[in-house]
Amino acid sequence: MSRLLEQYRKDACLLSGGGHNPSGASSSDEGLVIDLSKYLNKVTVDKEAKIVHVQGGALWSEVDDATCPHGLATVAGTVASVSIHL
């Protein structure tokens, strides 16, 4: 991975969380796009502390699915297919 990043260090390096941009505006013709949605999409809820920990590739629907059973809600957009992309 470090060799790959070194190759693209002068070009655009973009993060793609998944969802929300079907037009490809988060893509790069000459650079590197790192898709977070496949491996960094974990959502964990600490029920006692009432805190949710979310990785950048998770979708808001996944956050809602994890938090709602515990009476928790997030302040975010209303399109469930949009990624967190933090």
Protein backbone atom coordinates (compact mmCIF):
# COMPACT_ATOMS: atom_id res chain seq x y z
CA MET A 1 0.00 0.00 0.00
CA SER A 2 2.79 2.44 0.81
CA ARG A 3 4.27 1.96 -2.68
CA LEU A 4 0.90 2.61 -4.23
CA LEU A 5 0.42 5.78 -2.19
CA GLU A 6 3.94 6.92 -3.06
CA GLN A 7 3.11 6.54 -6.75
CA TYR A 8 0.11 8.81 -6.35
CA ARG A 9 1.56 11.29 -3.88
CA LYS A 10 1.62 14.08 -6.46
CA ASP A 11 -1.77 13.21 -7.90
CA ALA A 12 -5.20 13.50 -6.35
CA CYS A 13 -5.95 11.09 -3.53
CA LEU A 14 -9.65 10.95 -2.71
CA LEU A 15 -11.69 9.08 -0.13
CA SER A 16 -14.97 7.55 -1.18
CA GLY A 17 -17.33 6.56 1.59
CA GLY A 18 -19.92 5.01 -0.71
CA GLY A 19 -23.35 6.10 -1.83
CA HIS A 20 -24.69 9.61 -2.54
CA ASN A 21 -22.66 10.46 -5.62
CA PRO A 22 -23.58 8.29 -8.61
CA SER A 23 -22.31 10.98 -11.00
CA GLY A 24 -18.70 10.08 -10.18
CA ALA A 25 -17.84 13.54 -8.84
CA SER A 26 -15.85 11.91 -6.03
CA SER A 27 -13.67 10.09 -8.58
CA SER A 28 -10.36 11.04 -10.12
CA ASP A 29 -9.15 10.40 -13.67
CA GLU A 30 -5.47 10.71 -12.74
CA GLY A 31 -5.42 9.98 -9.04
CA LEU A 32 -6.20 7.33 -6.48
CA VAL A 33 -9.66 6.76 -4.97
CA ILE A 34 -9.77 4.87 -1.68
CA ASP A 35 -13.18 3.27 -1.09
CA LEU A 36 -13.93 3.10 2.62
CA SER A 37 -17.25 1.29 2.25
CA LYS A 38 -15.93 -2.27 1.95
CA TYR A 39 -13.66 -2.50 5.01
CA LEU A 40 -14.33 0.56 7.17
CA ASN A 41 -18.08 0.37 7.68
CA LYS A 42 -18.43 -0.81 11.25
CA VAL A 43 -21.04 0.67 13.59
CA THR A 44 -20.88 -0.11 17.33
CA VAL A 45 -23.17 1.16 20.05
CA ASP A 46 -22.19 1.62 23.68
CA LYS A 47 -25.67 1.23 25.22
CA GLU A 48 -24.67 2.33 28.70
CA ALA A 49 -22.82 5.48 27.60
CA LYS A 50 -25.36 6.12 24.82
CA ILE A 51 -22.56 6.64 22.29
CA VAL A 52 -22.21 5.29 18.77
CA HIS A 53 -18.85 4.73 17.08
CA VAL A 54 -19.01 4.83 13.29
CA GLN A 55 -16.34 4.22 10.65
CA GLY A 56 -16.18 6.42 7.55
CA GLY A 57 -17.56 3.92 5.05
CA ALA A 58 -20.78 3.15 6.95
CA LEU A 59 -24.13 4.27 5.56
CA TRP A 60 -26.62 6.25 7.61
CA SER A 61 -29.08 3.35 7.26
CA GLU A 62 -26.57 1.13 9.07
CA VAL A 63 -26.22 3.72 11.83
CA ASP A 64 -30.01 3.96 12.16
CA ASP A 65 -30.33 0.17 12.25
CA ALA A 66 -27.77 -0.02 15.07
CA THR A 67 -29.00 2.92 17.17
CA CYS A 68 -32.80 2.82 16.93
CA PRO A 69 -33.24 -0.42 18.95
CA HIS A 70 -31.50 1.37 21.84
CA GLY A 71 -33.64 4.51 21.64
CA LEU A 72 -30.78 6.52 20.14
CA ALA A 73 -30.93 8.80 17.12
CA THR A 74 -28.42 10.79 15.11
CA VAL A 75 -28.53 14.30 13.73
CA ALA A 76 -27.84 13.82 10.04
CA GLY A 77 -29.35 13.91 6.59
CA THR A 78 -32.44 11.94 5.71
CA VAL A 79 -31.03 9.91 2.80
CA ALA A 80 -30.17 6.52 4.29
CA SER A 81 -27.96 5.46 1.37
CA VAL A 82 -25.45 8.27 2.03
CA SER A 83 -22.18 7.32 3.71
CA ILE A 84 -20.84 8.85 6.89
CA HIS A 85 -17.50 9.72 5.25
CA LEU A 86 -15.86 11.32 8.26
